[in-house]
Amino acid sequence: MSAADIALEKALVIIKAFEGCRLKAYKCPAGVWTIGYGETLGVKEGDVWTQEKAEEEIKKRVAQFMGLTLQKCPQLLEESPAKVAACTSLAYNIGTGAFGASSVCRLTGRKEYQRAADAFLLWNKAGGRVLKGLTIRRQAERSMYLE
């Protein structure tokens, strides 16, 4: 298995664990229509998916996010699958634009790994409120990044 395949599998595990899967569209804590494992693209009220559709979509989207994450932070091309997976999970949750502008990305690019890992913990808010679930997710991503 290639490093990219390992990173994708690791990213899928952490993203699926924290996103959970809901087959009927719902509004996330930030007020965005969401379905499946955190999919927001084109989702509207009343949408319903099958489990198979949710699995198919998460694999495609995480692969897309991994590619975009690597574009935003090219240093990750030289890093471990765990670092790539952790950053992909963060980008999946906050968006690739926010990831590209983040201190996680900037510090990874400078190879300041401990500071980059600690910067994951800054991304624990939705709608301006600290959320326990996001705090736990960021701690898990941080741990994975440091593997």
C-alpha atoms as a PDB file:
ATOM      1  CA  MET A   1       0.000   0.000   0.000  1.00  0.00           C
ATOM      2  CA  SER A   2       1.376   3.413  -0.967  1.00  0.00           C
ATOM      3  CA  ALA A   3       1.860   6.295   1.458  1.00  0.00           C
ATOM      4  CA  ALA A   4      -1.040   8.087  -0.271  1.00  0.00           C
ATOM      5  CA  ASP A   5      -3.314   5.070   0.242  1.00  0.00           C
ATOM      6  CA  ILE A   6      -2.313   4.860   3.910  1.00  0.00           C
ATOM      7  CA  ALA A   7      -2.965   8.583   4.375  1.00  0.00           C
ATOM      8  CA  LEU A   8      -6.368   8.286   2.689  1.00  0.00           C
ATOM      9  CA  GLU A   9      -7.364   5.341   4.891  1.00  0.00           C
ATOM     10  CA  LYS A  10      -6.230   7.157   8.049  1.00  0.00           C
ATOM     11  CA  ALA A  11      -8.110  10.284   6.994  1.00  0.00           C
ATOM     12  CA  LEU A  12     -11.269   8.306   6.283  1.00  0.00           C
ATOM     13  CA  VAL A  13     -11.138   6.649   9.704  1.00  0.00           C
ATOM     14  CA  ILE A  14     -10.813   9.896  11.650  1.00  0.00           C
ATOM     15  CA  ILE A  15     -13.267  11.860   9.502  1.00  0.00           C
ATOM     16  CA  LYS A  16     -15.926   9.151   9.624  1.00  0.00           C
ATOM     17  CA  ALA A  17     -15.504   8.762  13.378  1.00  0.00           C
ATOM     18  CA  PHE A  18     -16.021  12.444  14.080  1.00  0.00           C
ATOM     19  CA  GLU A  19     -18.508  13.357  11.378  1.00  0.00           C
ATOM     20  CA  GLY A  20     -20.767  10.377  11.973  1.00  0.00           C
ATOM     21  CA  CYS A  21     -23.207   9.474   9.236  1.00  0.00           C
ATOM     22  CA  ARG A  22     -26.689  10.879   8.874  1.00  0.00           C
ATOM     23  CA  LEU A  23     -28.681   9.888   5.836  1.00  0.00           C
ATOM     24  CA  LYS A  24     -31.230  12.716   6.065  1.00  0.00           C
ATOM     25  CA  ALA A  25     -30.106  16.332   5.575  1.00  0.00           C
ATOM     26  CA  TYR A  26     -29.697  18.327   8.789  1.00  0.00           C
ATOM     27  CA  LYS A  27     -28.280  21.668   9.851  1.00  0.00           C
ATOM     28  CA  CYS A  28     -24.870  21.403  11.517  1.00  0.00           C
ATOM     29  CA  PRO A  29     -24.013  23.562  14.573  1.00  0.00           C
ATOM     30  CA  ALA A  30     -22.812  26.289  12.181  1.00  0.00           C
ATOM     31  CA  GLY A  31     -26.232  26.276  10.462  1.00  0.00           C
ATOM     32  CA  VAL A  32     -25.128  24.619   7.197  1.00  0.00           C
ATOM     33  CA  TRP A  33     -27.205  21.877   5.521  1.00  0.00           C
ATOM     34  CA  THR A  34     -25.224  18.638   5.813  1.00  0.00           C
ATOM     35  CA  ILE A  35     -25.714  14.952   4.921  1.00  0.00           C
ATOM     36  CA  GLY A  36     -23.751  11.698   4.992  1.00  0.00           C
ATOM     37  CA  TYR A  37     -20.345  12.057   6.637  1.00  0.00           C
ATOM     38  CA  GLY A  38     -20.377  15.843   6.779  1.00  0.00           C
ATOM     39  CA  GLU A  39     -21.054  16.575   3.110  1.00  0.00           C
ATOM     40  CA  THR A  40     -22.284  20.130   2.541  1.00  0.00           C
ATOM     41  CA  LEU A  41     -21.814  20.620  -1.214  1.00  0.00           C
ATOM     42  CA  GLY A  42     -25.214  21.028  -2.860  1.00  0.00           C
ATOM     43  CA  VAL A  43     -27.101  19.744   0.185  1.00  0.00           C
ATOM     44  CA  LYS A  44     -30.582  21.095   0.789  1.00  0.00           C
ATOM     45  CA  GLU A  45     -33.411  20.522   3.213  1.00  0.00           C
ATOM     46  CA  GLY A  46     -35.224  17.239   2.563  1.00  0.00           C
ATOM     47  CA  ASP A  47     -32.281  15.433   0.912  1.00  0.00           C
ATOM     48  CA  VAL A  48     -32.003  11.717   1.757  1.00  0.00           C
ATOM     49  CA  TRP A  49     -29.141   9.332   0.915  1.00  0.00           C
ATOM     50  CA  THR A  50     -28.590   5.585   1.196  1.00  0.00           C
ATOM     51  CA  GLN A  51     -25.675   4.254   3.236  1.00  0.00           C
ATOM     52  CA  GLU A  52     -24.018   3.161  -0.009  1.00  0.00           C
ATOM     53  CA  LYS A  53     -24.262   6.707  -1.379  1.00  0.00           C
ATOM     54  CA  ALA A  54     -22.771   8.101   1.840  1.00  0.00           C
ATOM     55  CA  GLU A  55     -19.802   5.664   1.650  1.00  0.00           C
ATOM     56  CA  GLU A  56     -19.209   6.416  -2.027  1.00  0.00           C
ATOM     57  CA  GLU A  57     -19.323  10.172  -1.490  1.00  0.00           C
ATOM     58  CA  ILE A  58     -17.031  10.241   1.559  1.00  0.00           C
ATOM     59  CA  LYS A  59     -14.322   8.323  -0.300  1.00  0.00           C
ATOM     60  CA  LYS A  60     -14.493  10.670  -3.289  1.00  0.00           C
ATOM     61  CA  ARG A  61     -14.598  13.838  -1.205  1.00  0.00           C
ATOM     62  CA  VAL A  62     -11.785  12.876   1.149  1.00  0.00           C
ATOM     63  CA  ALA A  63      -9.570  12.033  -1.840  1.00  0.00           C
ATOM     64  CA  GLN A  64     -10.420  15.464  -3.309  1.00  0.00           C
ATOM     65  CA  PHE A  65      -9.733  17.181   0.004  1.00  0.00           C
ATOM     66  CA  MET A  66      -6.422  15.362   0.358  1.00  0.00           C
ATOM     67  CA  GLY A  67      -5.331  16.609  -3.054  1.00  0.00           C
ATOM     68  CA  LEU A  68      -6.349  20.172  -2.208  1.00  0.00           C
ATOM     69  CA  THR A  69      -4.696  19.935   1.212  1.00  0.00           C
ATOM     70  CA  LEU A  70      -1.431  18.886  -0.436  1.00  0.00           C
ATOM     71  CA  GLN A  71      -1.719  21.818  -2.868  1.00  0.00           C
ATOM     72  CA  LYS A  72      -2.234  24.272  -0.004  1.00  0.00           C
ATOM     73  CA  CYS A  73       0.635  22.778   1.996  1.00  0.00           C
ATOM     74  CA  PRO A  74       3.195  21.213  -0.378  1.00  0.00           C
ATOM     75  CA  GLN A  75       5.526  20.391   2.542  1.00  0.00           C
ATOM     76  CA  LEU A  76       3.078  17.588   3.372  1.00  0.00           C
ATOM     77  CA  LEU A  77       4.283  15.752   0.260  1.00  0.00           C
ATOM     78  CA  GLU A  78       7.468  15.025   2.245  1.00  0.00           C
ATOM     79  CA  GLU A  79       5.682  14.109   5.469  1.00  0.00           C
ATOM     80  CA  SER A  80       4.230  10.976   7.023  1.00  0.00           C
ATOM     81  CA  PRO A  81       0.810   9.611   6.050  1.00  0.00           C
ATOM     82  CA  ALA A  82      -0.324  10.487   9.586  1.00  0.00           C
ATOM     83  CA  LYS A  83       0.480  14.200   9.102  1.00  0.00           C
ATOM     84  CA  VAL A  84      -1.257  14.196   5.726  1.00  0.00           C
ATOM     85  CA  ALA A  85      -4.324  12.465   7.193  1.00  0.00           C
ATOM     86  CA  ALA A  86      -4.558  14.822  10.175  1.00  0.00           C
ATOM     87  CA  CYS A  87      -4.312  17.890   7.953  1.00  0.00           C
ATOM     88  CA  THR A  88      -6.828  16.422   5.500  1.00  0.00           C
ATOM     89  CA  SER A  89      -9.272  15.853   8.362  1.00  0.00           C
ATOM     90  CA  LEU A  90      -8.835  19.445   9.518  1.00  0.00           C
ATOM     91  CA  ALA A  91      -9.281  20.772   5.973  1.00  0.00           C
ATOM     92  CA  TYR A  92     -12.370  18.605   5.450  1.00  0.00           C
ATOM     93  CA  ASN A  93     -13.924  20.143   8.550  1.00  0.00           C
ATOM     94  CA  ILE A  94     -12.904  23.809   8.160  1.00  0.00           C
ATOM     95  CA  GLY A  95     -12.519  24.048   4.371  1.00  0.00           C
ATOM     96  CA  THR A  96      -9.380  24.119   2.270  1.00  0.00           C
ATOM     97  CA  GLY A  97      -9.293  27.921   2.102  1.00  0.00           C
ATOM     98  CA  ALA A  98      -9.251  28.193   5.877  1.00  0.00           C
ATOM     99  CA  PHE A  99      -6.725  25.372   6.078  1.00  0.00           C
ATOM    100  CA  GLY A 100      -4.439  27.075   3.559  1.00  0.00           C
ATOM    101  CA  ALA A 101      -4.525  30.272   5.628  1.00  0.00           C
ATOM    102  CA  SER A 102      -4.108  28.441   8.939  1.00  0.00           C
ATOM    103  CA  SER A 103      -1.136  28.391  11.248  1.00  0.00           C
ATOM    104  CA  VAL A 104      -1.238  24.570  10.970  1.00  0.00           C
ATOM    105  CA  CYS A 105      -0.414  24.875   7.264  1.00  0.00           C
ATOM    106  CA  ARG A 106       2.060  27.733   7.681  1.00  0.00           C
ATOM    107  CA  LEU A 107       3.962  26.048  10.540  1.00  0.00           C
ATOM    108  CA  THR A 108       4.033  22.688   8.757  1.00  0.00           C
ATOM    109  CA  GLY A 109       5.583  24.465   5.789  1.00  0.00           C
ATOM    110  CA  ARG A 110       8.288  25.787   8.108  1.00  0.00           C
ATOM    111  CA  LYS A 111       8.759  22.305   9.643  1.00  0.00           C
ATOM    112  CA  GLU A 112       7.737  23.655  13.056  1.00  0.00           C
ATOM    113  CA  TYR A 113       5.861  20.473  13.795  1.00  0.00           C
ATOM    114  CA  GLN A 114       5.174  20.866  17.516  1.00  0.00           C
ATOM    115  CA  ARG A 115       3.777  24.371  17.030  1.00  0.00           C
ATOM    116  CA  ALA A 116       1.740  23.174  14.029  1.00  0.00           C
ATOM    117  CA  ALA A 117       0.333  20.314  16.100  1.00  0.00           C
ATOM    118  CA  ASP A 118      -0.624  22.702  18.886  1.00  0.00           C
ATOM    119  CA  ALA A 119      -2.315  24.992  16.340  1.00  0.00           C
ATOM    120  CA  PHE A 120      -4.897  22.282  15.589  1.00  0.00           C
ATOM    121  CA  LEU A 121      -6.368  23.061  19.009  1.00  0.00           C
ATOM    122  CA  LEU A 122      -7.289  26.597  17.913  1.00  0.00           C
ATOM    123  CA  TRP A 123      -9.969  25.243  15.541  1.00  0.00           C
ATOM    124  CA  ASN A 124     -12.527  24.187  18.146  1.00  0.00           C
ATOM    125  CA  LYS A 125     -15.311  26.704  17.492  1.00  0.00           C
ATOM    126  CA  ALA A 126     -18.426  26.786  15.328  1.00  0.00           C
ATOM    127  CA  GLY A 127     -20.578  29.872  15.146  1.00  0.00           C
ATOM    128  CA  GLY A 128     -18.158  31.545  17.584  1.00  0.00           C
ATOM    129  CA  ARG A 129     -18.757  28.943  20.318  1.00  0.00           C
ATOM    130  CA  VAL A 130     -16.278  26.379  21.624  1.00  0.00           C
ATOM    131  CA  LEU A 131     -17.735  22.926  20.984  1.00  0.00           C
ATOM    132  CA  LYS A 132     -16.695  19.908  23.028  1.00  0.00           C
ATOM    133  CA  GLY A 133     -16.890  17.642  19.967  1.00  0.00           C
ATOM    134  CA  LEU A 134     -14.561  19.896  17.984  1.00  0.00           C
ATOM    135  CA  THR A 135     -12.166  20.129  20.922  1.00  0.00           C
ATOM    136  CA  ILE A 136     -12.000  16.306  21.086  1.00  0.00           C
ATOM    137  CA  ARG A 137     -11.605  16.060  17.301  1.00  0.00           C
ATOM    138  CA  ARG A 138      -8.743  18.564  17.283  1.00  0.00           C
ATOM    139  CA  GLN A 139      -6.980  16.659  20.060  1.00  0.00           C
ATOM    140  CA  ALA A 140      -7.291  13.460  17.999  1.00  0.00           C
ATOM    141  CA  GLU A 141      -6.017  15.190  14.850  1.00  0.00           C
ATOM    142  CA  ARG A 142      -3.147  16.675  16.832  1.00  0.00           C
ATOM    143  CA  SER A 143      -2.206  13.240  18.167  1.00  0.00           C
ATOM    144  CA  MET A 144      -2.353  11.741  14.684  1.00  0.00           C
ATOM    145  CA  TYR A 145      -0.225  14.592  13.294  1.00  0.00           C
ATOM    146  CA  LEU A 146       2.449  13.837  15.898  1.00  0.00           C
ATOM    147  CA  GLU A 147       2.572  10.078  15.136  1.00  0.00           C
END
